[in-house]
Amino acid sequence: MTGGTWPNPVAASSPPPGVLRSAPSGSVLPLCLWSGPRNVSTALMYSFAQRADTRVVDEPLYAHYLRVSGSDHPGRADVLAAQENDGAKVVRDIVLGGCDRPVSFQKHMAHHLVELDRAFLRRTVNVLLVRDPAEVVLTLRHQIAQPTLRDVGIRTQAELLEELRAMGQEPPVLDAREVLADPEGVLRELCRRVALPFEPVMLSWPAGPRPFDGVWARHWYQNVHKSTGFDRWRPKTEPPPAELAALIEECRPWYAALLRQAIRARPEAAR
């Protein structure tokens, strides 16, 4: 990866990537994952961290979001103290900044894109990661007792997909269940779409915390720190709380629209 150009993401029905654009920082590929909370995004970050060509960044816009939104998340004060609070500076210095490796994989929450000029998204390769809202809410409520539509982030992701399409992009969409059903197949196709070679090392990692984890890890990453790879998907048996049923139903149309675009597990993969 020594060239200074990178392809835009391509649709699943398109031929292999061939439309090139200038890279924003020499030969660095800024690969932005726009996720919602509790969507196996940290596992995906750990997956990309196994690549020798990749440096990962954990939610660099989190402090900006907390400052602007006023949201009272676990560890709020620690996040605000640890990170740059000015989102424009984060975009300039981290999202579009230099990197000591060819790929800068950045895990973001889509709802962190508040009060920001989103023109920078024309200069990044963007991927969306979604999950069934019922599963999101069942786990998110352990960190945020009364989650809102903004906390789930699915509407922001649906709006972001349309914004990126208006910019001429067709960002790959991942669904957590499909990733967990067939990590190799889904990651192979994702890598194809963003013009990276798939590497088998992406399928496993050592258990434990990572030096690049955000300071909020102790509140959110307990399960992924126990993992050594992508856990098999298992249906939730716990019914959602009655008081959150309306929120789940409100999220479903946006999730359904995004799911229709998602990379699917291979038919032969065990479900």
C-alpha atoms as a PDB file:
ATOM      1  CA  MET A   1       0.000   0.000   0.000  1.00  0.00           C
ATOM      2  CA  THR A   2       2.414   2.627  -1.182  1.00  0.00           C
ATOM      3  CA  GLY A   3       0.187   4.609  -3.515  1.00  0.00           C
ATOM      4  CA  GLY A   4      -1.531   7.902  -2.704  1.00  0.00           C
ATOM      5  CA  THR A   5      -5.009   6.993  -3.904  1.00  0.00           C
ATOM      6  CA  TRP A   6      -7.775   4.905  -2.431  1.00  0.00           C
ATOM      7  CA  PRO A   7     -11.056   3.690  -3.886  1.00  0.00           C
ATOM      8  CA  ASN A   8     -14.455   4.724  -2.673  1.00  0.00           C
ATOM      9  CA  PRO A   9     -16.512   1.908  -1.155  1.00  0.00           C
ATOM     10  CA  VAL A  10     -18.431   0.068  -3.855  1.00  0.00           C
ATOM     11  CA  ALA A  11     -21.818  -1.584  -3.877  1.00  0.00           C
ATOM     12  CA  ALA A  12     -22.009  -5.344  -3.469  1.00  0.00           C
ATOM     13  CA  SER A  13     -23.160  -5.733  -7.079  1.00  0.00           C
ATOM     14  CA  SER A  14     -20.290  -3.646  -8.453  1.00  0.00           C
ATOM     15  CA  PRO A  15     -17.117  -5.071  -9.976  1.00  0.00           C
ATOM     16  CA  PRO A  16     -13.915  -4.992  -7.930  1.00  0.00           C
ATOM     17  CA  PRO A  17     -12.963  -1.480  -6.825  1.00  0.00           C
ATOM     18  CA  GLY A  18     -11.652   0.702  -9.609  1.00  0.00           C
ATOM     19  CA  VAL A  19     -12.810   4.275  -9.051  1.00  0.00           C
ATOM     20  CA  LEU A  20     -10.002   6.086  -7.284  1.00  0.00           C
ATOM     21  CA  ARG A  21      -9.808   9.312  -5.356  1.00  0.00           C
ATOM     22  CA  SER A  22      -6.952  11.201  -3.760  1.00  0.00           C
ATOM     23  CA  ALA A  23      -6.124  10.140  -0.222  1.00  0.00           C
ATOM     24  CA  PRO A  24      -6.339  12.935   2.353  1.00  0.00           C
ATOM     25  CA  SER A  25      -2.999  12.324   4.058  1.00  0.00           C
ATOM     26  CA  GLY A  26      -0.479  10.853   1.673  1.00  0.00           C
ATOM     27  CA  SER A  27      -0.957   7.099   1.679  1.00  0.00           C
ATOM     28  CA  VAL A  28      -3.085   6.930   4.852  1.00  0.00           C
ATOM     29  CA  LEU A  29      -6.552   5.412   4.536  1.00  0.00           C
ATOM     30  CA  PRO A  30      -8.920   6.977   7.122  1.00  0.00           C
ATOM     31  CA  LEU A  31     -11.430   4.169   7.655  1.00  0.00           C
ATOM     32  CA  CYS A  32     -14.315   5.401   9.815  1.00  0.00           C
ATOM     33  CA  LEU A  33     -16.728   2.961  11.437  1.00  0.00           C
ATOM     34  CA  TRP A  34     -19.994   4.723  12.334  1.00  0.00           C
ATOM     35  CA  SER A  35     -21.671   2.500  14.880  1.00  0.00           C
ATOM     36  CA  GLY A  36     -24.324   2.626  17.545  1.00  0.00           C
ATOM     37  CA  PRO A  37     -23.689   1.554  21.149  1.00  0.00           C
ATOM     38  CA  ARG A  38     -23.562  -2.151  22.083  1.00  0.00           C
ATOM     39  CA  ASN A  39     -23.113  -3.133  18.423  1.00  0.00           C
ATOM     40  CA  VAL A  40     -19.915  -5.278  18.713  1.00  0.00           C
ATOM     41  CA  SER A  41     -17.998  -2.212  17.530  1.00  0.00           C
ATOM     42  CA  THR A  42     -15.219  -2.747  20.060  1.00  0.00           C
ATOM     43  CA  ALA A  43     -14.751  -6.332  18.877  1.00  0.00           C
ATOM     44  CA  LEU A  44     -14.468  -5.002  15.329  1.00  0.00           C
ATOM     45  CA  MET A  45     -11.891  -2.472  16.502  1.00  0.00           C
ATOM     46  CA  TYR A  46      -9.911  -5.285  18.158  1.00  0.00           C
ATOM     47  CA  SER A  47     -10.179  -7.248  14.920  1.00  0.00           C
ATOM     48  CA  PHE A  48      -8.649  -4.470  12.832  1.00  0.00           C
ATOM     49  CA  ALA A  49      -5.996  -3.873  15.490  1.00  0.00           C
ATOM     50  CA  GLN A  50      -4.520  -7.279  14.661  1.00  0.00           C
ATOM     51  CA  ARG A  51      -3.501  -6.027  11.209  1.00  0.00           C
ATOM     52  CA  ALA A  52       0.127  -4.915  10.898  1.00  0.00           C
ATOM     53  CA  ASP A  53      -0.910  -2.153   8.480  1.00  0.00           C
ATOM     54  CA  THR A  54      -3.512  -0.606  10.804  1.00  0.00           C
ATOM     55  CA  ARG A  55      -3.570   1.769  13.761  1.00  0.00           C
ATOM     56  CA  VAL A  56      -6.895   1.962  15.607  1.00  0.00           C
ATOM     57  CA  VAL A  57      -8.489   4.914  17.400  1.00  0.00           C
ATOM     58  CA  ASP A  58     -11.274   4.538  19.955  1.00  0.00           C
ATOM     59  CA  GLU A  59     -14.161   7.033  19.675  1.00  0.00           C
ATOM     60  CA  PRO A  60     -12.144  10.243  19.337  1.00  0.00           C
ATOM     61  CA  LEU A  61     -15.318  12.389  19.200  1.00  0.00           C
ATOM     62  CA  TYR A  62     -16.757  11.092  22.485  1.00  0.00           C
ATOM     63  CA  ALA A  63     -15.697  14.055  24.638  1.00  0.00           C
ATOM     64  CA  HIS A  64     -16.962  16.470  21.977  1.00  0.00           C
ATOM     65  CA  TYR A  65     -20.336  14.728  22.065  1.00  0.00           C
ATOM     66  CA  LEU A  66     -20.544  14.779  25.861  1.00  0.00           C
ATOM     67  CA  ARG A  67     -19.653  18.483  25.972  1.00  0.00           C
ATOM     68  CA  VAL A  68     -22.143  19.497  23.292  1.00  0.00           C
ATOM     69  CA  SER A  69     -25.028  17.216  24.289  1.00  0.00           C
ATOM     70  CA  GLY A  70     -24.630  17.408  28.050  1.00  0.00           C
ATOM     71  CA  SER A  71     -25.311  13.667  28.243  1.00  0.00           C
ATOM     72  CA  ASP A  72     -24.550  12.109  31.618  1.00  0.00           C
ATOM     73  CA  HIS A  73     -22.759   8.906  30.627  1.00  0.00           C
ATOM     74  CA  PRO A  74     -20.740   6.668  32.962  1.00  0.00           C
ATOM     75  CA  GLY A  75     -17.267   8.137  33.393  1.00  0.00           C
ATOM     76  CA  ARG A  76     -18.275  11.468  31.813  1.00  0.00           C
ATOM     77  CA  ALA A  77     -15.740  13.519  33.779  1.00  0.00           C
ATOM     78  CA  ASP A  78     -12.918  11.114  32.913  1.00  0.00           C
ATOM     79  CA  VAL A  79     -13.746  11.250  29.194  1.00  0.00           C
ATOM     80  CA  LEU A  80     -13.888  15.049  29.162  1.00  0.00           C
ATOM     81  CA  ALA A  81     -10.530  15.205  30.960  1.00  0.00           C
ATOM     82  CA  ALA A  82      -8.826  12.613  28.750  1.00  0.00           C
ATOM     83  CA  GLN A  83      -9.879  13.726  25.263  1.00  0.00           C
ATOM     84  CA  GLU A  84      -9.877  16.855  23.153  1.00  0.00           C
ATOM     85  CA  ASN A  85     -13.326  18.432  23.612  1.00  0.00           C
ATOM     86  CA  ASP A  86     -13.348  20.437  20.374  1.00  0.00           C
ATOM     87  CA  GLY A  87     -14.741  18.239  17.617  1.00  0.00           C
ATOM     88  CA  ALA A  88     -13.345  20.390  14.810  1.00  0.00           C
ATOM     89  CA  LYS A  89      -9.844  19.891  16.190  1.00  0.00           C
ATOM     90  CA  VAL A  90     -10.449  16.150  16.494  1.00  0.00           C
ATOM     91  CA  VAL A  91     -11.484  15.988  12.854  1.00  0.00           C
ATOM     92  CA  ARG A  92      -8.453  17.985  11.748  1.00  0.00           C
ATOM     93  CA  ASP A  93      -5.835  16.308  13.925  1.00  0.00           C
ATOM     94  CA  ILE A  94      -7.104  12.729  14.307  1.00  0.00           C
ATOM     95  CA  VAL A  95      -9.793  11.826  11.789  1.00  0.00           C
ATOM     96  CA  LEU A  96      -7.939  13.470   8.898  1.00  0.00           C
ATOM     97  CA  GLY A  97      -4.564  13.672  10.623  1.00  0.00           C
ATOM     98  CA  GLY A  98      -1.415  11.716   9.992  1.00  0.00           C
ATOM     99  CA  CYS A  99      -0.865   8.113  10.980  1.00  0.00           C
ATOM    100  CA  ASP A 100       2.263   5.992  11.307  1.00  0.00           C
ATOM    101  CA  ARG A 101       0.586   3.105   9.464  1.00  0.00           C
ATOM    102  CA  PRO A 102      -1.188   2.942   6.108  1.00  0.00           C
ATOM    103  CA  VAL A 103      -4.652   2.437   7.633  1.00  0.00           C
ATOM    104  CA  SER A 104      -6.232   4.542  10.383  1.00  0.00           C
ATOM    105  CA  PHE A 105      -9.241   2.556  11.625  1.00  0.00           C
ATOM    106  CA  GLN A 106     -11.443   4.825  13.687  1.00  0.00           C
ATOM    107  CA  LYS A 107     -14.294   3.514  15.778  1.00  0.00           C
ATOM    108  CA  HIS A 108     -16.982   6.197  16.116  1.00  0.00           C
ATOM    109  CA  MET A 109     -20.527   6.416  17.396  1.00  0.00           C
ATOM    110  CA  ALA A 110     -22.728   7.963  14.707  1.00  0.00           C
ATOM    111  CA  HIS A 111     -24.580  10.110  17.233  1.00  0.00           C
ATOM    112  CA  HIS A 112     -21.279  11.772  18.179  1.00  0.00           C
ATOM    113  CA  LEU A 113     -21.588  13.728  14.909  1.00  0.00           C
ATOM    114  CA  VAL A 114     -23.206  16.750  16.555  1.00  0.00           C
ATOM    115  CA  GLU A 115     -22.529  20.391  15.709  1.00  0.00           C
ATOM    116  CA  LEU A 116     -19.848  19.438  13.209  1.00  0.00           C
ATOM    117  CA  ASP A 117     -19.295  20.312   9.569  1.00  0.00           C
ATOM    118  CA  ARG A 118     -19.683  16.882   7.983  1.00  0.00           C
ATOM    119  CA  ALA A 119     -17.898  17.832   4.769  1.00  0.00           C
ATOM    120  CA  PHE A 120     -14.887  15.879   6.060  1.00  0.00           C
ATOM    121  CA  LEU A 121     -16.826  12.671   5.343  1.00  0.00           C
ATOM    122  CA  ARG A 122     -16.030  13.208   1.661  1.00  0.00           C
ATOM    123  CA  ARG A 123     -12.413  12.516   2.551  1.00  0.00           C
ATOM    124  CA  THR A 124     -12.915   9.365   4.623  1.00  0.00           C
ATOM    125  CA  VAL A 125     -13.925   5.805   3.767  1.00  0.00           C
ATOM    126  CA  ASN A 126     -17.058   5.177   5.811  1.00  0.00           C
ATOM    127  CA  VAL A 127     -18.691   2.008   7.143  1.00  0.00           C
ATOM    128  CA  LEU A 128     -21.929   1.673   9.135  1.00  0.00           C
ATOM    129  CA  LEU A 129     -22.474  -0.931  11.870  1.00  0.00           C
ATOM    130  CA  VAL A 130     -26.009  -1.593  13.148  1.00  0.00           C
ATOM    131  CA  ARG A 131     -27.776  -4.031  15.443  1.00  0.00           C
ATOM    132  CA  ASP A 132     -31.345  -5.060  16.194  1.00  0.00           C
ATOM    133  CA  PRO A 133     -32.643  -2.249  18.456  1.00  0.00           C
ATOM    134  CA  ALA A 134     -34.204  -4.693  20.900  1.00  0.00           C
ATOM    135  CA  GLU A 135     -30.774  -6.229  21.522  1.00  0.00           C
ATOM    136  CA  VAL A 136     -29.187  -2.790  21.770  1.00  0.00           C
ATOM    137  CA  VAL A 137     -31.680  -1.548  24.354  1.00  0.00           C
ATOM    138  CA  LEU A 138     -31.458  -4.709  26.466  1.00  0.00           C
ATOM    139  CA  THR A 139     -27.727  -4.166  26.969  1.00  0.00           C
ATOM    140  CA  LEU A 140     -27.573  -0.359  26.792  1.00  0.00           C
ATOM    141  CA  ARG A 141     -29.923   0.043  29.752  1.00  0.00           C
ATOM    142  CA  HIS A 142     -27.221  -1.363  32.030  1.00  0.00           C
ATOM    143  CA  GLN A 143     -25.143   1.757  31.322  1.00  0.00           C
ATOM    144  CA  ILE A 144     -27.946   4.249  30.643  1.00  0.00           C
ATOM    145  CA  ALA A 145     -31.058   3.446  32.678  1.00  0.00           C
ATOM    146  CA  GLN A 146     -33.501   5.261  30.391  1.00  0.00           C
ATOM    147  CA  PRO A 147     -31.971   5.298  26.902  1.00  0.00           C
ATOM    148  CA  THR A 148     -33.455   7.605  24.277  1.00  0.00           C
ATOM    149  CA  LEU A 149     -33.592   7.518  20.490  1.00  0.00           C
ATOM    150  CA  ARG A 150     -30.477   9.672  20.414  1.00  0.00           C
ATOM    151  CA  ASP A 151     -28.622   7.205  22.660  1.00  0.00           C
ATOM    152  CA  VAL A 152     -29.449   4.266  20.368  1.00  0.00           C
ATOM    153  CA  GLY A 153     -28.217   6.232  17.350  1.00  0.00           C
ATOM    154  CA  ILE A 154     -30.091   4.268  14.671  1.00  0.00           C
ATOM    155  CA  ARG A 155     -31.912   7.277  13.196  1.00  0.00           C
ATOM    156  CA  THR A 156     -28.607   9.132  12.925  1.00  0.00           C
ATOM    157  CA  GLN A 157     -27.128   6.142  11.101  1.00  0.00           C
ATOM    158  CA  ALA A 158     -30.019   6.038   8.616  1.00  0.00           C
ATOM    159  CA  GLU A 159     -29.665   9.767   7.994  1.00  0.00           C
ATOM    160  CA  LEU A 160     -25.914   9.377   7.651  1.00  0.00           C
ATOM    161  CA  LEU A 161     -26.341   6.701   5.000  1.00  0.00           C
ATOM    162  CA  GLU A 162     -28.403   9.119   2.910  1.00  0.00           C
ATOM    163  CA  GLU A 163     -25.884  11.923   3.427  1.00  0.00           C
ATOM    164  CA  LEU A 164     -23.030   9.708   2.273  1.00  0.00           C
ATOM    165  CA  ARG A 165     -24.991   8.586  -0.762  1.00  0.00           C
ATOM    166  CA  ALA A 166     -25.610  12.234  -1.644  1.00  0.00           C
ATOM    167  CA  MET A 167     -21.813  12.626  -1.572  1.00  0.00           C
ATOM    168  CA  GLY A 168     -21.495   9.835  -4.132  1.00  0.00           C
ATOM    169  CA  GLN A 169     -20.494   7.120  -1.659  1.00  0.00           C
ATOM    170  CA  GLU A 170     -22.054   3.714  -1.104  1.00  0.00           C
ATOM    171  CA  PRO A 171     -20.767   2.860   2.369  1.00  0.00           C
ATOM    172  CA  PRO A 172     -20.720  -0.791   3.402  1.00  0.00           C
ATOM    173  CA  VAL A 173     -23.308  -1.602   6.067  1.00  0.00           C
ATOM    174  CA  LEU A 174     -22.607  -4.266   8.678  1.00  0.00           C
ATOM    175  CA  ASP A 175     -25.156  -5.883  10.956  1.00  0.00           C
ATOM    176  CA  ALA A 176     -23.937  -7.289  14.260  1.00  0.00           C
ATOM    177  CA  ARG A 177     -25.837 -10.548  13.885  1.00  0.00           C
ATOM    178  CA  GLU A 178     -24.407 -11.176  10.416  1.00  0.00           C
ATOM    179  CA  VAL A 179     -20.881 -10.403  11.635  1.00  0.00           C
ATOM    180  CA  LEU A 180     -21.223 -12.846  14.511  1.00  0.00           C
ATOM    181  CA  ALA A 181     -22.804 -15.519  12.304  1.00  0.00           C
ATOM    182  CA  ASP A 182     -19.933 -15.458   9.810  1.00  0.00           C
ATOM    183  CA  PRO A 183     -17.010 -13.271  10.868  1.00  0.00           C
ATOM    184  CA  GLU A 184     -14.695 -14.452   8.117  1.00  0.00           C
ATOM    185  CA  GLY A 185     -17.211 -14.140   5.310  1.00  0.00           C
ATOM    186  CA  VAL A 186     -18.474 -10.708   6.326  1.00  0.00           C
ATOM    187  CA  LEU A 187     -14.978  -9.344   6.997  1.00  0.00           C
ATOM    188  CA  ARG A 188     -13.712 -10.680   3.675  1.00  0.00           C
ATOM    189  CA  GLU A 189     -16.466  -8.825   1.862  1.00  0.00           C
ATOM    190  CA  LEU A 190     -15.938  -5.682   3.928  1.00  0.00           C
ATOM    191  CA  CYS A 191     -12.239  -5.703   3.127  1.00  0.00           C
ATOM    192  CA  ARG A 192     -13.010  -6.171  -0.558  1.00  0.00           C
ATOM    193  CA  ARG A 193     -15.300  -3.170  -0.558  1.00  0.00           C
ATOM    194  CA  VAL A 194     -12.741  -0.897   1.103  1.00  0.00           C
ATOM    195  CA  ALA A 195      -9.877  -2.250  -1.037  1.00  0.00           C
ATOM    196  CA  LEU A 196      -7.930  -3.955   1.734  1.00  0.00           C
ATOM    197  CA  PRO A 197      -6.705  -7.548   1.676  1.00  0.00           C
ATOM    198  CA  PHE A 198      -8.463  -9.741   4.197  1.00  0.00           C
ATOM    199  CA  GLU A 199      -6.120 -11.130   6.853  1.00  0.00           C
ATOM    200  CA  PRO A 200      -7.025 -14.210   8.941  1.00  0.00           C
ATOM    201  CA  VAL A 201      -5.431 -12.588  12.005  1.00  0.00           C
ATOM    202  CA  MET A 202      -8.523 -10.369  12.150  1.00  0.00           C
ATOM    203  CA  LEU A 203     -10.552 -13.289  13.505  1.00  0.00           C
ATOM    204  CA  SER A 204      -8.923 -13.525  16.942  1.00  0.00           C
ATOM    205  CA  TRP A 205      -7.081 -11.520  19.580  1.00  0.00           C
ATOM    206  CA  PRO A 206      -5.700 -12.049  23.099  1.00  0.00           C
ATOM    207  CA  ALA A 207      -8.086 -11.572  26.006  1.00  0.00           C
ATOM    208  CA  GLY A 208      -7.775  -8.460  28.135  1.00  0.00           C
ATOM    209  CA  PRO A 209      -7.788  -4.678  27.792  1.00  0.00           C
ATOM    210  CA  ARG A 210      -5.832  -2.794  25.144  1.00  0.00           C
ATOM    211  CA  PRO A 211      -3.657   0.313  25.461  1.00  0.00           C
ATOM    212  CA  PHE A 212      -5.815   2.066  22.865  1.00  0.00           C
ATOM    213  CA  ASP A 213      -9.057   1.504  24.823  1.00  0.00           C
ATOM    214  CA  GLY A 214     -10.820   4.708  25.791  1.00  0.00           C
ATOM    215  CA  VAL A 215     -10.898   5.670  29.475  1.00  0.00           C
ATOM    216  CA  TRP A 216     -14.555   4.592  29.501  1.00  0.00           C
ATOM    217  CA  ALA A 217     -13.565   0.946  28.941  1.00  0.00           C
ATOM    218  CA  ARG A 218     -14.158  -0.064  32.568  1.00  0.00           C
ATOM    219  CA  HIS A 219     -17.799   0.938  32.196  1.00  0.00           C
ATOM    220  CA  TRP A 220     -18.487  -0.596  28.790  1.00  0.00           C
ATOM    221  CA  TYR A 221     -15.902  -3.239  27.771  1.00  0.00           C
ATOM    222  CA  GLN A 222     -16.143  -5.963  30.406  1.00  0.00           C
ATOM    223  CA  ASN A 223     -17.405  -8.613  27.978  1.00  0.00           C
ATOM    224  CA  VAL A 224     -15.083  -7.858  25.089  1.00  0.00           C
ATOM    225  CA  HIS A 225     -12.117  -7.976  27.471  1.00  0.00           C
ATOM    226  CA  LYS A 226     -13.023 -11.607  28.178  1.00  0.00           C
ATOM    227  CA  SER A 227     -13.208 -12.478  24.487  1.00  0.00           C
ATOM    228  CA  THR A 228     -10.572 -13.883  22.158  1.00  0.00           C
ATOM    229  CA  GLY A 229     -12.622 -13.514  18.995  1.00  0.00           C
ATOM    230  CA  PHE A 230     -16.133 -12.896  17.727  1.00  0.00           C
ATOM    231  CA  ASP A 231     -18.630 -14.725  19.924  1.00  0.00           C
ATOM    232  CA  ARG A 232     -21.373 -16.685  18.204  1.00  0.00           C
ATOM    233  CA  TRP A 233     -24.674 -14.830  17.986  1.00  0.00           C
ATOM    234  CA  ARG A 234     -27.281 -16.066  20.442  1.00  0.00           C
ATOM    235  CA  PRO A 235     -30.832 -14.753  20.625  1.00  0.00           C
ATOM    236  CA  LYS A 236     -31.734 -12.755  23.681  1.00  0.00           C
ATOM    237  CA  THR A 237     -34.162 -14.625  25.929  1.00  0.00           C
ATOM    238  CA  GLU A 238     -34.803 -11.705  28.249  1.00  0.00           C
ATOM    239  CA  PRO A 239     -37.871  -9.692  27.232  1.00  0.00           C
ATOM    240  CA  PRO A 240     -37.328  -5.946  26.850  1.00  0.00           C
ATOM    241  CA  PRO A 241     -38.684  -3.807  29.695  1.00  0.00           C
ATOM    242  CA  ALA A 242     -42.215  -2.614  29.011  1.00  0.00           C
ATOM    243  CA  GLU A 243     -41.187   1.014  29.452  1.00  0.00           C
ATOM    244  CA  LEU A 244     -38.697   0.693  26.586  1.00  0.00           C
ATOM    245  CA  ALA A 245     -40.995  -1.099  24.127  1.00  0.00           C
ATOM    246  CA  ALA A 246     -42.058   2.160  22.466  1.00  0.00           C
ATOM    247  CA  LEU A 247     -38.424   3.156  21.912  1.00  0.00           C
ATOM    248  CA  ILE A 248     -37.638  -0.201  20.287  1.00  0.00           C
ATOM    249  CA  GLU A 249     -40.613   0.100  17.941  1.00  0.00           C
ATOM    250  CA  GLU A 250     -39.631   3.654  17.041  1.00  0.00           C
ATOM    251  CA  CYS A 251     -36.193   2.394  16.013  1.00  0.00           C
ATOM    252  CA  ARG A 252     -37.379  -0.523  13.887  1.00  0.00           C
ATOM    253  CA  PRO A 253     -38.126   1.261  10.571  1.00  0.00           C
ATOM    254  CA  TRP A 254     -34.640   2.813  10.460  1.00  0.00           C
ATOM    255  CA  TYR A 255     -33.047  -0.489  11.404  1.00  0.00           C
ATOM    256  CA  ALA A 256     -35.030  -2.344   8.736  1.00  0.00           C
ATOM    257  CA  ALA A 257     -33.904   0.134   6.074  1.00  0.00           C
ATOM    258  CA  LEU A 258     -30.258  -0.254   7.058  1.00  0.00           C
ATOM    259  CA  LEU A 259     -30.480  -4.037   7.405  1.00  0.00           C
ATOM    260  CA  ARG A 260     -31.599  -4.318   3.785  1.00  0.00           C
ATOM    261  CA  GLN A 261     -28.194  -2.925   2.777  1.00  0.00           C
ATOM    262  CA  ALA A 262     -26.111  -5.090   5.108  1.00  0.00           C
ATOM    263  CA  ILE A 263     -23.406  -7.531   4.048  1.00  0.00           C
ATOM    264  CA  ARG A 264     -24.840 -10.988   4.672  1.00  0.00           C
ATOM    265  CA  ALA A 265     -23.264 -14.073   6.161  1.00  0.00           C
ATOM    266  CA  ARG A 266     -22.438 -16.739   3.617  1.00  0.00           C
ATOM    267  CA  PRO A 267     -25.239 -19.302   3.179  1.00  0.00           C
ATOM    268  CA  GLU A 268     -22.928 -22.125   4.175  1.00  0.00           C
ATOM    269  CA  ALA A 269     -21.976 -20.465   7.464  1.00  0.00           C
ATOM    270  CA  ALA A 270     -23.496 -22.169  10.500  1.00  0.00           C
ATOM    271  CA  ARG A 271     -26.211 -20.018  12.047  1.00  0.00           C
END
